[in-house]
């Protein structure tokens, strides 16, 4: 599992969100979120920026470049 997949899942669970909740909040489909969390698809940078802004973390954190 890559860091983005791990961090996205961790942030979602820490915020007590289901994939469906996160889907509604961000406008991404629940299946897309599942693919990203399960490392079946790699999101583009725009997606990473949207999630970083939503969770109020840096993209570097989300991508695993910093702790």
N, C-alpha and C. Protein backbone atom coordinates (compact mmCIF):
# COMPACT_ATOMS: atom_id res chain seq x y z
N UNK A 1 0.86 -1.18 0.00
CA UNK A 1 0.00 0.00 0.00
C UNK A 1 0.90 1.24 0.00
N UNK A 2 0.57 2.20 -0.85
CA UNK A 2 1.39 3.41 -0.87
C UNK A 2 0.94 4.36 0.23
N UNK A 3 1.74 5.36 0.49
CA UNK A 3 1.46 6.29 1.58
C UNK A 3 0.15 7.04 1.37
N UNK A 4 -0.14 7.45 0.11
CA UNK A 4 -1.39 8.16 -0.12
C UNK A 4 -2.57 7.29 0.31
N UNK A 5 -2.57 6.04 -0.09
CA UNK A 5 -3.66 5.12 0.26
C UNK A 5 -3.80 5.00 1.77
N UNK A 6 -2.68 4.80 2.44
CA UNK A 6 -2.67 4.67 3.90
C UNK A 6 -3.19 5.93 4.57
N UNK A 7 -2.63 7.06 4.16
CA UNK A 7 -2.99 8.33 4.81
C UNK A 7 -4.45 8.72 4.55
N UNK A 8 -4.93 8.49 3.34
CA UNK A 8 -6.32 8.82 3.04
C UNK A 8 -7.25 8.01 3.94
N UNK A 9 -6.99 6.72 4.05
CA UNK A 9 -7.82 5.87 4.91
C UNK A 9 -7.71 6.30 6.38
N UNK A 10 -6.48 6.56 6.84
CA UNK A 10 -6.28 6.97 8.24
C UNK A 10 -7.03 8.27 8.54
N UNK A 11 -6.90 9.24 7.66
CA UNK A 11 -7.57 10.53 7.87
C UNK A 11 -9.09 10.37 7.86
N UNK A 12 -9.59 9.57 6.95
CA UNK A 12 -11.03 9.34 6.89
C UNK A 12 -11.53 8.70 8.17
N UNK A 13 -10.83 7.67 8.65
CA UNK A 13 -11.26 6.98 9.86
C UNK A 13 -11.09 7.85 11.11
N UNK A 14 -10.00 8.62 11.18
CA UNK A 14 -9.80 9.53 12.31
C UNK A 14 -10.92 10.55 12.41
N UNK A 15 -11.47 10.92 11.27
CA UNK A 15 -12.56 11.89 11.24
C UNK A 15 -13.93 11.23 11.26
N UNK A 16 -13.93 9.91 11.52
CA UNK A 16 -15.16 9.13 11.65
C UNK A 16 -16.09 9.30 10.44
N UNK A 17 -15.48 9.20 9.26
CA UNK A 17 -16.22 9.32 8.02
C UNK A 17 -16.27 7.97 7.30
N UNK A 18 -17.39 7.67 6.73
CA UNK A 18 -17.45 6.52 5.83
C UNK A 18 -16.96 6.97 4.47
N UNK A 19 -16.70 6.03 3.59
CA UNK A 19 -16.32 6.42 2.23
C UNK A 19 -17.46 7.21 1.59
N UNK A 20 -18.67 6.85 1.89
CA UNK A 20 -19.82 7.58 1.33
C UNK A 20 -19.87 9.02 1.86
N UNK A 21 -19.61 9.21 3.15
CA UNK A 21 -19.57 10.56 3.72
C UNK A 21 -18.51 11.40 3.03
N UNK A 22 -17.33 10.82 2.85
CA UNK A 22 -16.23 11.53 2.21
C UNK A 22 -16.58 11.83 0.76
N UNK A 23 -17.26 10.92 0.12
CA UNK A 23 -17.71 11.11 -1.26
C UNK A 23 -18.62 12.33 -1.36
N UNK A 24 -19.59 12.40 -0.48
CA UNK A 24 -20.53 13.53 -0.47
C UNK A 24 -19.82 14.85 -0.19
N UNK A 25 -18.84 14.83 0.71
CA UNK A 25 -18.15 16.05 1.12
C UNK A 25 -17.20 16.56 0.04
N UNK A 26 -16.64 15.66 -0.75
CA UNK A 26 -15.61 16.07 -1.72
C UNK A 26 -16.08 16.05 -3.17
N UNK A 27 -17.19 15.36 -3.43
CA UNK A 27 -17.69 15.27 -4.80
C UNK A 27 -17.11 14.13 -5.61
N UNK A 28 -16.23 13.33 -5.00
CA UNK A 28 -15.69 12.16 -5.68
C UNK A 28 -16.62 10.98 -5.42
N UNK A 29 -16.67 10.04 -6.34
CA UNK A 29 -17.54 8.88 -6.13
C UNK A 29 -16.98 7.97 -5.05
N UNK A 30 -17.86 7.25 -4.39
CA UNK A 30 -17.42 6.30 -3.37
C UNK A 30 -16.53 5.22 -3.98
N UNK A 31 -16.86 4.69 -5.17
CA UNK A 31 -15.95 3.71 -5.77
C UNK A 31 -14.55 4.27 -6.05
N UNK A 32 -14.46 5.54 -6.43
CA UNK A 32 -13.14 6.14 -6.66
C UNK A 32 -12.35 6.20 -5.35
N UNK A 33 -13.01 6.60 -4.28
CA UNK A 33 -12.34 6.66 -2.98
C UNK A 33 -11.87 5.27 -2.57
N UNK A 34 -12.70 4.26 -2.80
CA UNK A 34 -12.31 2.88 -2.48
C UNK A 34 -11.10 2.46 -3.29
N UNK A 35 -11.06 2.80 -4.58
CA UNK A 35 -9.91 2.45 -5.42
C UNK A 35 -8.64 3.13 -4.91
N UNK A 36 -8.74 4.40 -4.53
CA UNK A 36 -7.56 5.11 -4.01
C UNK A 36 -7.11 4.50 -2.69
N UNK A 37 -8.05 4.20 -1.79
CA UNK A 37 -7.68 3.63 -0.49
C UNK A 37 -7.09 2.23 -0.63
N UNK A 38 -7.53 1.50 -1.61
CA UNK A 38 -7.04 0.13 -1.81
C UNK A 38 -5.87 0.05 -2.79
N UNK A 39 -5.33 1.21 -3.14
CA UNK A 39 -4.16 1.31 -4.00
C UNK A 39 -4.38 0.63 -5.35
N UNK A 40 -5.61 0.72 -5.84
CA UNK A 40 -5.92 0.16 -7.16
C UNK A 40 -5.80 1.21 -8.25
N UNK A 41 -5.77 2.46 -7.82
CA UNK A 41 -5.66 3.58 -8.76
C UNK A 41 -4.92 4.71 -8.05
N UNK A 42 -4.09 5.40 -8.79
CA UNK A 42 -3.34 6.53 -8.24
C UNK A 42 -4.03 7.82 -8.66
N UNK A 43 -4.36 8.68 -7.69
CA UNK A 43 -5.03 9.93 -8.03
C UNK A 43 -4.06 10.94 -8.65
N UNK A 44 -4.61 11.88 -9.38
CA UNK A 44 -3.76 12.94 -9.90
C UNK A 44 -3.52 13.99 -8.81
N UNK A 45 -2.66 14.92 -9.08
CA UNK A 45 -2.27 15.91 -8.07
C UNK A 45 -3.44 16.78 -7.64
N UNK A 46 -4.37 17.06 -8.55
CA UNK A 46 -5.53 17.88 -8.18
C UNK A 46 -6.37 17.19 -7.11
N UNK A 47 -6.50 15.89 -7.21
CA UNK A 47 -7.24 15.11 -6.21
C UNK A 47 -6.52 15.20 -4.86
N UNK A 48 -5.21 15.04 -4.87
CA UNK A 48 -4.43 15.11 -3.64
C UNK A 48 -4.59 16.48 -2.98
N UNK A 49 -4.61 17.52 -3.77
CA UNK A 49 -4.77 18.88 -3.23
C UNK A 49 -6.14 19.04 -2.59
N UNK A 50 -7.17 18.52 -3.24
CA UNK A 50 -8.52 18.62 -2.68
C UNK A 50 -8.61 17.90 -1.34
N UNK A 51 -8.06 16.69 -1.26
CA UNK A 51 -8.08 15.96 0.02
C UNK A 51 -7.23 16.65 1.08
N UNK A 52 -6.07 17.16 0.70
CA UNK A 52 -5.22 17.87 1.66
C UNK A 52 -5.96 19.08 2.23
N UNK A 53 -6.61 19.83 1.38
CA UNK A 53 -7.37 20.98 1.85
C UNK A 53 -8.54 20.55 2.73
N UNK A 54 -9.23 19.50 2.33
CA UNK A 54 -10.38 19.03 3.10
C UNK A 54 -9.97 18.61 4.51
N UNK A 55 -8.88 17.85 4.62
CA UNK A 55 -8.43 17.35 5.91
C UNK A 55 -7.49 18.32 6.63
N UNK A 56 -7.19 19.46 6.00
CA UNK A 56 -6.31 20.47 6.58
C UNK A 56 -4.92 19.91 6.92
N UNK A 57 -4.37 19.20 5.94
CA UNK A 57 -3.00 18.68 6.02
C UNK A 57 -2.27 19.14 4.77
N UNK A 58 -0.96 18.97 4.75
CA UNK A 58 -0.21 19.33 3.55
C UNK A 58 -0.26 18.18 2.55
N UNK A 59 -0.05 18.51 1.30
CA UNK A 59 0.05 17.45 0.30
C UNK A 59 1.27 16.58 0.58
N UNK A 60 2.34 17.18 1.10
CA UNK A 60 3.52 16.38 1.45
C UNK A 60 3.16 15.31 2.48
N UNK A 61 2.36 15.67 3.47
CA UNK A 61 1.92 14.68 4.46
C UNK A 61 1.09 13.61 3.79
N UNK A 62 0.12 14.02 3.00
CA UNK A 62 -0.79 13.08 2.36
C UNK A 62 -0.05 12.11 1.44
N UNK A 63 1.00 12.60 0.78
CA UNK A 63 1.77 11.76 -0.14
C UNK A 63 2.89 10.98 0.56
N UNK A 64 3.04 11.20 1.86
CA UNK A 64 4.04 10.45 2.63
C UNK A 64 5.43 11.04 2.56
N UNK A 65 5.54 12.29 2.15
CA UNK A 65 6.86 12.93 2.07
C UNK A 65 7.29 13.56 3.39
N UNK A 66 6.34 13.72 4.30
CA UNK A 66 6.64 14.22 5.65
C UNK A 66 5.67 13.56 6.62
N UNK A 67 6.07 13.54 7.90
CA UNK A 67 5.21 12.95 8.94
C UNK A 67 4.48 14.02 9.71
